[in-house]
Structures are given as C-alpha cells and as structure tokens.
N, C-alpha and C. Protein backbone atom coordinates (compact mmCIF):
# COMPACT_ATOMS: atom_id res chain seq x y z
N MET A 1 -29.15 -7.92 -19.57
CA MET A 1 -28.18 -8.00 -20.61
C MET A 1 -28.37 -7.13 -21.24
N TRP A 2 -28.96 -6.05 -21.85
CA TRP A 2 -29.63 -5.85 -22.45
C TRP A 2 -28.80 -4.42 -22.50
N ARG A 3 -28.74 -4.14 -21.33
CA ARG A 3 -27.56 -2.82 -20.63
C ARG A 3 -26.40 -3.09 -20.91
N ARG A 4 -25.86 -3.85 -20.77
CA ARG A 4 -24.67 -4.85 -21.00
C ARG A 4 -24.15 -4.51 -22.45
N VAL A 5 -25.12 -5.23 -23.11
CA VAL A 5 -24.91 -4.79 -24.83
C VAL A 5 -24.72 -3.65 -24.83
N THR A 6 -25.40 -2.56 -24.64
CA THR A 6 -25.47 -1.49 -24.84
C THR A 6 -24.36 -0.48 -24.66
N ALA A 7 -23.57 -1.20 -23.41
CA ALA A 7 -22.34 -0.44 -22.85
C ALA A 7 -21.62 -1.17 -23.76
N TRP A 8 -21.37 -2.49 -24.17
CA TRP A 8 -20.36 -2.82 -25.32
C TRP A 8 -20.34 -2.12 -26.35
N ALA A 9 -21.71 -1.16 -26.59
CA ALA A 9 -21.49 -0.82 -28.23
C ALA A 9 -21.44 0.96 -28.77
N GLY A 10 -21.17 1.06 -26.67
CA GLY A 10 -20.50 2.54 -26.17
C GLY A 10 -22.62 3.53 -26.11
N LEU A 11 -22.80 2.74 -26.37
CA LEU A 11 -24.92 3.68 -26.47
C LEU A 11 -25.04 3.16 -24.94
N ASN A 12 -24.29 2.89 -23.71
CA ASN A 12 -24.79 3.12 -22.32
C ASN A 12 -23.92 3.70 -21.22
N PRO A 13 -23.07 4.69 -21.56
CA PRO A 13 -21.99 4.99 -20.89
C PRO A 13 -21.86 5.11 -19.11
N GLU A 14 -22.30 5.67 -19.21
CA GLU A 14 -22.73 5.19 -17.56
C GLU A 14 -23.25 3.47 -17.19
N VAL A 15 -22.69 2.79 -17.30
CA VAL A 15 -23.29 1.19 -17.49
C VAL A 15 -21.01 0.70 -17.46
N ALA A 16 -21.14 1.33 -18.97
CA ALA A 16 -19.49 1.79 -19.35
C ALA A 16 -18.63 2.20 -17.76
N ARG A 17 -18.33 3.17 -17.30
CA ARG A 17 -18.14 3.46 -16.80
C ARG A 17 -17.73 2.64 -15.60
N ALA A 18 -19.15 2.31 -15.17
CA ALA A 18 -19.54 1.70 -13.42
C ALA A 18 -19.09 0.27 -14.03
N ASP A 19 -18.81 -0.53 -14.96
CA ASP A 19 -18.31 -1.80 -14.98
C ASP A 19 -16.87 -1.69 -14.77
N ALA A 20 -16.33 -0.10 -15.30
CA ALA A 20 -15.02 0.17 -15.37
C ALA A 20 -14.48 0.01 -13.95
N VAL A 21 -14.88 0.55 -13.33
CA VAL A 21 -14.69 1.16 -11.73
C VAL A 21 -15.09 -0.16 -11.05
N ALA A 22 -15.62 -1.01 -11.63
CA ALA A 22 -16.13 -2.72 -10.63
C ALA A 22 -14.29 -3.17 -11.24
N ALA A 23 -14.20 -3.22 -12.21
CA ALA A 23 -12.88 -3.94 -12.81
C ALA A 23 -11.75 -3.57 -12.43
N ARG A 24 -11.56 -2.03 -12.05
CA ARG A 24 -10.74 -1.34 -11.14
C ARG A 24 -10.56 -2.35 -9.29
N TRP A 25 -11.37 -2.20 -8.95
CA TRP A 25 -11.70 -2.76 -7.85
C TRP A 25 -11.58 -4.08 -7.44
N VAL A 26 -12.00 -4.95 -8.38
CA VAL A 26 -11.58 -6.46 -8.54
C VAL A 26 -10.29 -6.39 -8.48
N ARG A 27 -9.89 -5.80 -9.36
CA ARG A 27 -8.28 -6.09 -9.87
C ARG A 27 -7.55 -5.58 -8.44
N GLY A 28 -7.66 -4.58 -8.09
CA GLY A 28 -7.33 -3.91 -6.84
C GLY A 28 -7.32 -4.48 -5.52
N ALA A 29 -8.61 -5.15 -5.51
CA ALA A 29 -8.81 -6.20 -4.08
C ALA A 29 -7.72 -7.68 -4.26
N GLN A 30 -7.75 -8.21 -5.51
CA GLN A 30 -7.14 -9.04 -5.93
C GLN A 30 -5.58 -9.16 -5.67
N ALA A 31 -4.86 -7.65 -6.30
CA ALA A 31 -3.28 -7.23 -5.88
C ALA A 31 -3.66 -6.77 -4.02
N GLU A 32 -4.21 -6.69 -3.27
CA GLU A 32 -4.43 -6.66 -2.21
C GLU A 32 -3.79 -8.26 -1.26
N LYS A 33 -4.57 -8.85 -1.91
CA LYS A 33 -4.88 -10.96 -1.67
C LYS A 33 -3.09 -11.14 -1.86
N ASP A 34 -2.10 -10.87 -3.09
CA ASP A 34 -1.38 -11.14 -3.81
C ASP A 34 -0.39 -10.60 -3.06
N THR A 35 -0.40 -9.25 -2.35
CA THR A 35 0.99 -8.90 -2.07
C THR A 35 0.30 -9.24 0.41
N ALA A 36 -0.72 -9.49 0.34
CA ALA A 36 -0.82 -10.48 1.86
C ALA A 36 -0.26 -12.14 1.55
N ARG A 37 -0.57 -12.51 0.58
CA ARG A 37 0.24 -13.73 0.34
C ARG A 37 1.70 -13.84 0.24
N LEU A 38 2.34 -13.09 -0.52
CA LEU A 38 4.08 -12.54 -0.35
C LEU A 38 4.38 -12.15 1.11
N ILE A 39 4.18 -11.20 1.61
CA ILE A 39 4.41 -10.61 3.10
C ILE A 39 4.47 -11.83 3.99
N ARG A 40 2.88 -13.21 4.04
CA ARG A 40 2.97 -14.29 4.60
C ARG A 40 4.25 -14.74 5.38
N ARG A 41 5.00 -14.86 4.74
CA ARG A 41 6.39 -15.83 4.67
C ARG A 41 7.11 -14.86 5.56
N LEU A 42 7.29 -13.47 6.32
CA LEU A 42 8.17 -12.70 6.67
C LEU A 42 7.46 -13.15 8.15
N ARG A 43 6.45 -13.60 8.91
CA ARG A 43 6.45 -13.92 9.78
C ARG A 43 7.46 -14.99 10.79
N TRP A 44 8.01 -15.43 9.48
CA TRP A 44 8.73 -16.72 10.42
C TRP A 44 10.06 -16.16 10.32
N ARG A 45 10.20 -14.83 10.31
CA ARG A 45 11.28 -14.05 10.18
C ARG A 45 11.06 -12.47 11.76
N GLY A 46 9.92 -12.89 12.11
CA GLY A 46 9.18 -12.28 13.31
C GLY A 46 8.51 -10.68 12.89
N TRP A 47 8.41 -10.63 11.57
CA TRP A 47 7.69 -9.83 11.81
C TRP A 47 5.96 -9.84 11.87
N ARG A 48 4.99 -8.82 12.58
CA ARG A 48 4.25 -9.16 13.25
C ARG A 48 3.44 -8.57 11.61
N ILE A 49 1.82 -8.73 11.45
CA ILE A 49 1.16 -8.07 10.17
C ILE A 49 0.34 -7.94 10.65
N LEU A 50 -0.60 -6.95 10.34
CA LEU A 50 -1.94 -6.88 10.84
C LEU A 50 -2.48 -5.76 8.65
N HIS A 51 -4.06 -5.99 8.61
CA HIS A 51 -3.99 -5.89 7.57
C HIS A 51 -5.48 -5.54 7.39
N ASP A 52 -6.07 -4.37 6.72
CA ASP A 52 -6.66 -3.56 6.41
C ASP A 52 -7.48 -2.79 7.55
N ARG A 53 -6.75 -2.25 7.66
CA ARG A 53 -6.71 -0.83 9.07
C ARG A 53 -7.30 0.35 8.98
N ARG A 54 -8.62 0.60 9.91
CA ARG A 54 -8.95 1.78 9.27
C ARG A 54 -7.84 2.88 9.88
N LEU A 55 -7.73 4.13 9.10
CA LEU A 55 -6.93 5.19 9.40
C LEU A 55 -8.04 6.15 10.22
N PRO A 56 -8.15 6.40 11.67
CA PRO A 56 -8.16 7.27 11.86
C PRO A 56 -7.68 9.24 11.70
N GLY A 57 -9.12 9.63 11.24
CA GLY A 57 -8.82 11.29 10.87
C GLY A 57 -9.00 11.21 9.76
N HIS A 58 -8.75 10.42 8.78
CA HIS A 58 -9.14 10.15 7.32
C HIS A 58 -10.11 9.91 6.52
N GLY A 59 -11.21 9.93 7.28
CA GLY A 59 -12.58 9.70 6.92
C GLY A 59 -12.61 8.00 6.73
N ARG A 60 -12.55 7.30 5.40
CA ARG A 60 -13.04 6.04 5.41
C ARG A 60 -12.19 5.33 4.61
N ALA A 61 -10.52 6.54 4.57
CA ALA A 61 -9.11 5.52 4.20
C ALA A 61 -8.82 4.53 5.38
N ASN A 62 -8.21 3.57 4.91
CA ASN A 62 -7.63 2.38 4.80
C ASN A 62 -6.49 2.32 4.76
N VAL A 63 -5.32 1.54 5.44
CA VAL A 63 -4.54 1.13 5.20
C VAL A 63 -4.27 -0.61 4.87
N ASP A 64 -4.11 -0.90 3.74
CA ASP A 64 -3.63 -1.99 3.16
C ASP A 64 -3.44 -3.30 3.99
N HIS A 65 -1.84 -2.90 4.77
CA HIS A 65 -1.23 -4.23 4.88
C HIS A 65 0.00 -2.83 6.05
N VAL A 66 -0.38 -3.67 7.23
CA VAL A 66 1.02 -2.91 8.43
C VAL A 66 1.87 -3.68 9.56
N LEU A 67 2.78 -3.50 8.55
CA LEU A 67 4.02 -5.00 9.37
C LEU A 67 4.83 -3.70 10.30
N VAL A 68 5.15 -4.81 11.53
CA VAL A 68 5.79 -4.20 12.87
C VAL A 68 7.14 -5.63 12.84
N SER A 69 8.37 -4.23 12.61
CA SER A 69 9.50 -5.32 12.56
C SER A 69 9.93 -6.07 13.80
N PRO A 70 10.85 -7.26 13.20
CA PRO A 70 11.44 -7.89 14.50
C PRO A 70 12.00 -7.64 15.95
N CYS A 71 12.52 -6.24 15.44
CA CYS A 71 13.00 -5.57 16.94
C CYS A 71 12.22 -4.47 17.61
N GLY A 72 11.40 -4.37 17.27
CA GLY A 72 9.80 -3.87 17.37
C GLY A 72 9.87 -2.05 17.86
N THR A 73 10.65 -2.00 16.79
CA THR A 73 11.06 -1.22 16.82
C THR A 73 10.99 0.55 15.76
N ALA A 74 9.87 -0.35 15.03
CA ALA A 74 9.42 0.11 12.80
C ALA A 74 8.50 -0.12 12.54
N VAL A 75 7.71 0.33 12.01
CA VAL A 75 6.65 0.44 11.11
C VAL A 75 6.67 0.44 10.24
N VAL A 76 5.80 -0.61 8.55
CA VAL A 76 6.03 -0.07 7.32
C VAL A 76 5.30 0.29 7.13
N VAL A 77 4.45 0.75 6.38
CA VAL A 77 3.04 0.57 6.09
C VAL A 77 2.98 1.10 4.77
N LEU A 78 1.98 -0.46 4.15
CA LEU A 78 2.44 -0.62 2.92
C LEU A 78 1.18 -0.45 2.52
N ASP A 79 0.70 0.29 1.05
CA ASP A 79 0.07 0.08 0.16
C ASP A 79 0.00 -0.31 -1.65
N THR A 80 -1.12 -1.51 -1.46
CA THR A 80 -1.03 -1.73 -3.15
C THR A 80 -1.94 -1.01 -3.80
N LYS A 81 -0.83 -1.44 -5.53
CA LYS A 81 -1.99 -0.90 -5.85
C LYS A 81 -1.68 -1.41 -7.25
N ALA A 82 -2.59 -1.42 -8.43
CA ALA A 82 -3.13 -2.64 -9.53
C ALA A 82 -2.80 -1.66 -10.63
N TRP A 83 -1.73 -1.25 -11.35
CA TRP A 83 -1.75 -0.59 -12.42
C TRP A 83 -1.57 -1.24 -13.45
N ARG A 84 -1.89 -0.40 -14.96
CA ARG A 84 -1.49 -0.83 -16.74
C ARG A 84 -0.44 -2.12 -16.45
N LYS A 85 -0.43 -3.13 -17.04
CA LYS A 85 0.69 -4.18 -17.30
C LYS A 85 1.51 -3.53 -18.69
N SER A 86 0.81 -3.00 -19.24
CA SER A 86 1.84 -2.20 -20.65
C SER A 86 2.14 -1.26 -20.03
N TRP A 87 1.89 -0.27 -19.11
CA TRP A 87 2.43 0.63 -19.02
C TRP A 87 3.68 0.53 -17.86
N ASP A 88 5.42 1.54 -18.29
CA ASP A 88 6.30 0.82 -17.30
C ASP A 88 6.02 2.19 -15.93
N THR A 89 5.85 1.87 -14.73
CA THR A 89 6.03 3.10 -13.56
C THR A 89 7.49 3.77 -13.38
N HIS A 90 7.69 4.99 -13.37
CA HIS A 90 9.43 5.20 -13.84
C HIS A 90 8.88 6.80 -12.90
N LEU A 91 9.96 7.23 -12.90
CA LEU A 91 10.31 8.90 -12.34
C LEU A 91 10.48 10.28 -13.30
N VAL A 92 9.45 10.42 -13.65
CA VAL A 92 9.53 12.19 -14.30
C VAL A 92 10.10 13.07 -13.26
N ASN A 93 11.17 13.47 -13.41
CA ASN A 93 11.26 14.87 -13.05
C ASN A 93 10.62 14.93 -11.42
N GLY A 94 11.15 13.51 -11.06
CA GLY A 94 10.69 13.28 -9.70
C GLY A 94 9.84 12.99 -8.86
N ARG A 95 8.83 12.49 -10.00
CA ARG A 95 7.52 12.16 -9.74
C ARG A 95 6.96 10.63 -10.65
N VAL A 96 6.35 10.24 -9.66
CA VAL A 96 6.00 8.97 -10.10
C VAL A 96 5.06 8.94 -11.27
N CYS A 97 5.33 7.48 -12.20
CA CYS A 97 4.38 7.82 -13.05
C CYS A 97 4.18 6.73 -13.58
N CYS A 98 2.51 6.18 -13.92
CA CYS A 98 2.57 4.87 -14.78
C CYS A 98 2.14 5.05 -16.38
N GLY A 99 3.36 4.98 -17.30
CA GLY A 99 3.07 5.48 -18.72
C GLY A 99 3.46 6.73 -18.63
N LEU A 100 1.84 7.56 -19.99
CA LEU A 100 1.83 8.90 -19.13
C LEU A 100 1.38 9.68 -18.08
N GLU A 101 0.77 8.70 -17.37
CA GLU A 101 0.05 9.35 -15.98
C GLU A 101 0.43 9.67 -14.84
N ASP A 102 0.45 10.60 -14.09
CA ASP A 102 1.24 10.89 -13.24
C ASP A 102 0.37 11.00 -11.78
N ARG A 103 0.99 9.51 -11.24
CA ARG A 103 0.23 8.78 -10.03
C ARG A 103 1.15 9.06 -8.87
N HIS A 104 1.50 10.59 -8.79
CA HIS A 104 2.94 10.46 -7.11
C HIS A 104 1.35 11.40 -6.21
N GLY A 105 0.01 10.94 -6.91
CA GLY A 105 -0.47 10.79 -5.69
C GLY A 105 -0.53 10.10 -5.08
N GLU A 106 -0.64 9.14 -5.38
CA GLU A 106 -0.12 7.96 -4.09
C GLU A 106 0.67 7.97 -3.86
N VAL A 107 1.76 8.10 -3.78
CA VAL A 107 3.07 8.05 -3.30
C VAL A 107 2.89 9.33 -1.99
N GLU A 108 2.22 11.05 -2.08
CA GLU A 108 1.95 11.56 -1.32
C GLU A 108 0.60 10.46 -0.75
N LYS A 109 -0.07 10.19 -0.66
CA LYS A 109 -0.80 9.75 -0.46
C LYS A 109 -0.16 8.68 0.95
N VAL A 110 0.24 7.67 0.80
CA VAL A 110 1.19 7.12 1.90
C VAL A 110 1.88 7.20 2.37
N ALA A 111 2.36 8.50 2.31
CA ALA A 111 3.21 9.25 2.99
C ALA A 111 2.64 10.38 4.37
N ARG A 112 1.42 10.58 4.20
CA ARG A 112 0.23 10.97 4.83
C ARG A 112 -0.26 10.17 5.64
N TYR A 113 -0.09 9.14 4.93
CA TYR A 113 -0.68 7.61 5.96
C TYR A 113 0.52 7.56 6.69
N ALA A 114 1.51 7.81 6.70
CA ALA A 114 3.36 7.29 7.62
C ALA A 114 2.77 8.29 8.24
N ALA A 115 2.34 9.48 8.19
CA ALA A 115 2.75 10.78 9.52
C ALA A 115 1.72 10.46 10.41
N THR A 116 0.52 9.98 9.86
CA THR A 116 -0.56 9.68 10.61
C THR A 116 -0.08 8.49 11.23
N VAL A 117 0.68 7.54 11.29
CA VAL A 117 1.02 6.10 12.06
C VAL A 117 1.78 6.84 12.77
N ALA A 118 2.51 7.49 12.73
CA ALA A 118 3.68 8.11 13.35
C ALA A 118 2.91 8.58 14.81
N ARG A 119 1.88 9.25 14.03
CA ARG A 119 1.47 10.41 15.13
C ARG A 119 0.49 9.80 16.45
N LEU A 120 -0.52 8.63 15.92
CA LEU A 120 -1.42 7.45 16.13
C LEU A 120 -0.13 7.04 17.27
N THR A 121 0.64 6.15 17.03
CA THR A 121 1.72 5.23 17.21
C THR A 121 2.41 6.12 18.33
N GLY A 122 3.06 7.33 18.42
CA GLY A 122 3.52 7.81 19.35
C GLY A 122 5.06 7.86 18.34
N LEU A 123 5.40 7.43 17.17
CA LEU A 123 6.49 6.90 17.04
C LEU A 123 6.88 7.70 16.29
N PRO A 124 8.07 8.28 16.03
CA PRO A 124 9.67 9.20 15.76
C PRO A 124 8.96 8.87 14.65
N ALA A 125 8.68 9.45 13.59
CA ALA A 125 8.48 9.55 11.44
C ALA A 125 9.31 8.82 11.63
N GLY A 126 10.82 9.16 12.12
CA GLY A 126 11.75 8.25 10.82
C GLY A 126 12.11 6.44 11.17
N SER A 127 11.29 6.32 12.52
CA SER A 127 10.78 4.99 12.80
C SER A 127 9.32 4.27 11.68
N VAL A 128 9.06 4.73 10.88
CA VAL A 128 7.35 4.74 10.17
C VAL A 128 8.24 4.77 8.98
N TRP A 129 8.13 3.32 8.04
CA TRP A 129 8.41 3.87 6.37
C TRP A 129 7.23 3.32 5.91
N PRO A 130 7.27 4.01 4.47
CA PRO A 130 5.87 4.44 3.57
C PRO A 130 6.17 3.94 2.46
N LEU A 131 5.55 2.74 1.66
CA LEU A 131 5.63 1.90 0.90
C LEU A 131 4.57 1.59 0.36
N LEU A 132 5.28 1.42 -1.15
CA LEU A 132 3.82 1.15 -2.05
C LEU A 132 4.20 0.08 -3.49
N VAL A 133 4.22 -1.10 -3.21
CA VAL A 133 3.84 -1.81 -4.12
C VAL A 133 3.06 -2.37 -5.05
N ILE A 134 3.83 -2.27 -6.69
CA ILE A 134 2.65 -1.78 -7.48
C ILE A 134 2.75 -3.39 -8.69
N HIS A 135 1.50 -4.01 -8.28
CA HIS A 135 1.54 -4.92 -9.45
C HIS A 135 0.57 -4.64 -10.85
N GLY A 136 1.30 -5.39 -11.87
CA GLY A 136 0.62 -5.27 -12.96
C GLY A 136 2.60 -4.71 -13.81
N SER A 137 2.08 -3.16 -13.77
CA SER A 137 2.80 -2.02 -14.19
C SER A 137 4.68 -2.85 -14.32
N PRO A 138 5.64 -2.97 -14.95
CA PRO A 138 6.35 -3.47 -14.33
C PRO A 138 7.29 -1.51 -13.54
N ILE A 139 7.78 -2.00 -12.77
CA ILE A 139 8.83 -0.75 -12.61
C ILE A 139 10.05 -0.37 -12.69
N VAL A 140 10.75 0.42 -13.25
CA VAL A 140 11.83 1.31 -14.38
C VAL A 140 13.07 0.33 -12.69
N GLY A 141 13.85 -0.02 -13.39
CA GLY A 141 14.71 -0.84 -12.08
C GLY A 141 14.61 -1.57 -10.77
N GLY A 142 13.26 -1.53 -11.16
CA GLY A 142 12.71 -2.77 -10.02
C GLY A 142 12.04 -2.28 -8.69
N ARG A 143 12.34 -0.71 -8.60
CA ARG A 143 12.30 -0.33 -7.38
C ARG A 143 12.31 1.43 -7.32
N LEU A 144 12.20 2.60 -7.15
CA LEU A 144 12.01 3.65 -7.08
C LEU A 144 12.25 4.67 -5.63
N ASP A 145 12.62 5.47 -4.92
CA ASP A 145 12.95 5.81 -3.79
C ASP A 145 12.41 7.52 -4.73
N ALA A 146 10.91 7.40 -4.41
CA ALA A 146 10.80 9.01 -4.20
C ALA A 146 10.62 9.85 -3.25
N ARG A 147 10.08 11.00 -4.01
CA ARG A 147 10.42 11.92 -1.81
C ARG A 147 8.74 12.59 -2.29
N VAL A 148 8.79 13.75 -1.28
CA VAL A 148 7.16 13.78 -0.83
C VAL A 148 7.68 15.08 -0.16
N PRO A 149 6.66 16.48 -0.65
CA PRO A 149 7.36 17.45 0.50
C PRO A 149 6.90 17.29 2.01
N GLY A 150 6.92 17.75 2.82
CA GLY A 150 6.73 17.24 3.92
C GLY A 150 6.62 15.43 5.26
N TRP A 151 7.64 15.21 3.76
CA TRP A 151 7.97 13.61 4.61
C TRP A 151 9.55 13.70 4.48
N ASP A 152 9.96 13.37 5.50
CA ASP A 152 11.81 13.49 5.46
C ASP A 152 12.83 12.25 4.80
N GLY A 153 12.02 10.96 4.61
CA GLY A 153 12.85 9.93 4.10
C GLY A 153 12.06 10.01 2.99
N PRO A 154 12.87 8.10 2.14
CA PRO A 154 11.59 8.14 0.56
C PRO A 154 10.46 7.36 1.30
N VAL A 155 9.57 7.25 -0.04
CA VAL A 155 8.91 6.56 -0.35
C VAL A 155 9.68 5.54 -0.99
N HIS A 156 9.48 4.07 -0.70
CA HIS A 156 9.34 3.23 -1.21
C HIS A 156 8.58 2.84 -2.14
N VAL A 157 8.75 2.44 -3.53
CA VAL A 157 7.42 2.25 -4.55
C VAL A 157 8.53 0.74 -5.08
N LEU A 158 8.28 -0.05 -4.77
CA LEU A 158 8.90 -1.54 -5.50
C LEU A 158 7.58 -2.30 -5.79
N GLY A 159 7.75 -3.32 -7.05
CA GLY A 159 7.65 -4.84 -8.11
C GLY A 159 6.74 -5.63 -6.50
N PRO A 160 6.44 -6.08 -7.18
CA PRO A 160 6.44 -7.27 -6.10
C PRO A 160 7.50 -7.76 -5.50
N GLU A 161 8.36 -8.32 -7.05
CA GLU A 161 9.59 -9.20 -6.84
C GLU A 161 10.48 -8.80 -5.39
N PHE A 162 10.75 -7.47 -5.34
CA PHE A 162 11.23 -6.63 -4.81
C PHE A 162 10.79 -6.03 -3.22
N LEU A 163 9.02 -6.92 -2.38
CA LEU A 163 9.14 -6.56 -1.76
C LEU A 163 9.44 -7.32 -0.75
N VAL A 164 9.73 -8.68 -0.70
CA VAL A 164 10.12 -9.48 0.45
C VAL A 164 11.51 -9.20 0.78
N PRO A 165 12.02 -9.38 -0.25
CA PRO A 165 13.89 -9.28 0.10
C PRO A 165 14.50 -7.81 0.71
N THR A 166 13.31 -7.15 0.16
CA THR A 166 13.84 -5.82 0.77
C THR A 166 13.29 -5.58 2.50
N LEU A 167 12.58 -6.13 2.65
CA LEU A 167 12.28 -6.36 3.99
C LEU A 167 13.14 -7.36 4.76
N SER A 168 13.29 -7.86 4.25
CA SER A 168 13.72 -9.39 4.89
C SER A 168 15.36 -8.56 5.30
N ALA A 169 15.80 -7.65 4.17
CA ALA A 169 17.03 -6.80 4.55
C ALA A 169 17.21 -5.92 5.99
N ALA A 170 16.32 -5.75 6.25
CA ALA A 170 16.23 -5.03 7.44
C ALA A 170 16.91 -6.21 8.56
N PRO A 171 16.72 -4.89 9.73
CA PRO A 171 18.57 -5.25 10.56
C PRO A 171 17.58 -6.42 11.20
N ALA A 172 18.37 -7.79 11.61
CA ALA A 172 17.81 -9.25 11.66
C ALA A 172 18.13 -9.44 13.58
N VAL A 173 18.14 -8.15 14.00
CA VAL A 173 18.09 -8.59 15.31
C VAL A 173 16.38 -8.58 15.91
N ARG A 174 16.31 -9.27 16.80
CA ARG A 174 14.54 -9.75 17.15
C ARG A 174 14.70 -9.22 18.40
N ASN A 175 13.37 -8.82 18.79
CA ASN A 175 13.04 -8.73 20.28
C ASN A 175 11.80 -9.02 20.54
N PRO A 176 11.11 -10.37 20.50
CA PRO A 176 10.01 -10.31 20.50
C PRO A 176 8.96 -9.60 21.76
N ARG A 177 9.34 -9.32 22.40
CA ARG A 177 8.18 -8.71 23.43
C ARG A 177 8.08 -7.18 22.66
N ALA A 178 9.35 -6.18 22.62
CA ALA A 178 9.08 -5.30 22.06
C ALA A 178 7.91 -5.27 21.09
N ALA A 179 8.13 -6.17 19.38
CA ALA A 179 7.75 -6.33 18.20
C ALA A 179 6.11 -6.16 19.24
N ALA A 180 5.85 -7.31 20.12
CA ALA A 180 4.25 -7.67 20.49
C ALA A 180 3.64 -6.19 21.11
N ARG A 181 4.43 -5.55 21.73
CA ARG A 181 3.95 -4.87 22.40
C ARG A 181 4.05 -3.70 21.14
N LEU A 182 4.46 -2.83 20.23
CA LEU A 182 4.45 -2.52 19.58
C LEU A 182 3.27 -2.20 18.61
N ALA A 183 3.37 -4.47 17.81
CA ALA A 183 2.03 -4.43 17.63
C ALA A 183 0.35 -4.42 18.33
N ALA A 184 0.60 -4.31 19.27
CA ALA A 184 -0.98 -3.96 20.72
C ALA A 184 -1.00 -2.69 20.25
N ARG A 185 0.23 -1.43 20.17
CA ARG A 185 -0.05 0.00 20.42
C ARG A 185 -0.96 0.07 18.73
N VAL A 186 -0.35 -0.52 17.44
CA VAL A 186 -0.30 -0.27 16.18
C VAL A 186 -2.15 -0.58 16.62
N ALA A 187 -2.57 -2.43 17.02
CA ALA A 187 -3.92 -2.64 16.28
C ALA A 187 -4.97 -1.63 17.38
N GLU A 188 -4.43 -0.63 18.32
CA GLU A 188 -5.20 -0.66 19.10
C GLU A 188 -5.64 0.78 18.24
N ALA A 189 -4.27 1.68 18.07
CA ALA A 189 -4.49 2.99 17.16
C ALA A 189 -5.43 2.88 15.72
N LEU A 190 -4.78 1.40 15.16
CA LEU A 190 -5.54 1.35 14.09
C LEU A 190 -6.60 -0.23 13.59
N PRO A 191 -7.93 0.53 14.06
CA PRO A 191 -8.49 -0.73 14.36
C PRO A 191 -9.08 -1.20 13.12
N PRO A 192 -9.82 -2.69 13.20
CA PRO A 192 -9.80 -3.09 11.81
C PRO A 192 -11.14 -2.15 10.69
N TYR A 193 -10.81 -2.38 9.75
CA TYR A 193 -11.75 -1.50 8.51
C TYR A 193 -12.71 -2.92 8.32
N THR A 194 -14.15 -2.33 8.95
CA THR A 194 -15.33 -3.88 8.92
C THR A 194 -16.00 -3.43 7.61
N SER A 195 -16.03 -1.77 7.06
CA SER A 195 -16.87 -2.06 6.14
C SER A 195 -16.80 -1.55 4.48
N ARG A 196 -16.24 -2.83 4.45
CA ARG A 196 -15.27 -2.82 2.92
C ARG A 196 -16.40 -2.65 2.15
N GLY A 197 -17.05 -3.06 1.90
CA GLY A 197 -18.11 -3.04 1.03
C GLY A 197 -18.33 -1.66 1.07
N ASN A 198 -18.57 -0.26 1.72
CA ASN A 198 -18.78 0.67 1.86
C ASN A 198 -17.60 1.76 1.37
N ARG A 199 -16.86 0.98 0.88
CA ARG A 199 -15.84 1.57 0.34
C ARG A 199 -16.28 2.87 -0.81
N PRO A 200 -15.32 3.82 -1.13
CA PRO A 200 -15.74 4.74 -2.09
C PRO A 200 -15.41 4.19 -3.37
C-alpha cells in the first residue's frame, strides 16, 4: 500500500511506470476482446477467424486476429490498438498520428506481419490485407488508408464501428471448401500463441 501512495505522490517513479504499463496492457487486452466480439458475427457470412496467433520469425510477436475470406482466396491480418480517447487519429504527411504522437510504426508493423503471413502461407501479397482497428481514439473520417514503403497496397486504419461493415462489403462469393483449406494452411503456419503471460 505504501508503494502505491508514494507512486501517487510522485516519490516512486518506478512503481508509477510499472502501473502505467500494466494499465496499458489491460486496456489493450480489453480492446482485443472487443474486436473479437465484433468480428464474431462475420462467421455467419462465411468468414473463418483465428485469434492470437504466433508469428514465426518475429520473436515473441503475435497477430491478434487472422480472418480468412468466405471465398477462400484472401486473408486479413488484423491488429488491435487502444489509443487515447481524448486524441484524434489522423494522417500527417502520410503518417498515422494519434494527437501529436507519431504512431506510424504500428502501421508498418502490421504491414510486416501481413508480408510474413503471405510468405508463410504461399499467398500473393495482394491476397493478404493488413488492417489496424483503433479503439478509443476517434479516427478522422472514420477510416484512413495509410502507405508503407515496401508494401504495395494500403494499410487500412479503422474505428471499430467501421470494421464489420468494411469486411462485410468484401465480395460475397462463398467457397466453403476453399475457405476451410486456406484456414487450415493459416492455422498450420501461425500456431496459437500460448505464452500470453510472457509477452514483453
């Protein structure tokens, strides 16, 4: 208790920093759950969904959500973030920023993850869609299409209210067998992330 009091008073900065990191982790975990709840309804439209998958070749990195399209020809690599509610997310000179903070590194990261998923599954890069969904911070215009060097297409940055409508607007053609085969390839290439408590 004394450690908390001294941290609140500014006398124990180590505890204050640790508490801030823990609070961010809790917000991030809740945002992932919220995203999972939102995309659950896509199963009725034929989407296959995998959560919390390990990304071989990226240390202890994980992909929050991977979705296989109903047609069985495309994969969505979806990363979830929880950013400050009082700051808008917008583009500044082509870079994604939250308030005055440059957050384009998160966009670059999900593009790298998408490139790795394409390589591991044998899909052409154009068949893998990197997507970042932001909880908390309002996105100017509701969605942004950001660019990353080395990645040909856009990285879509969406608010949660745009997530399901955007994915639902994908081609409505269904091929359950192809989707099941591709989902199996993705599951084999990206094993479940089992050491959640050991994340950095």
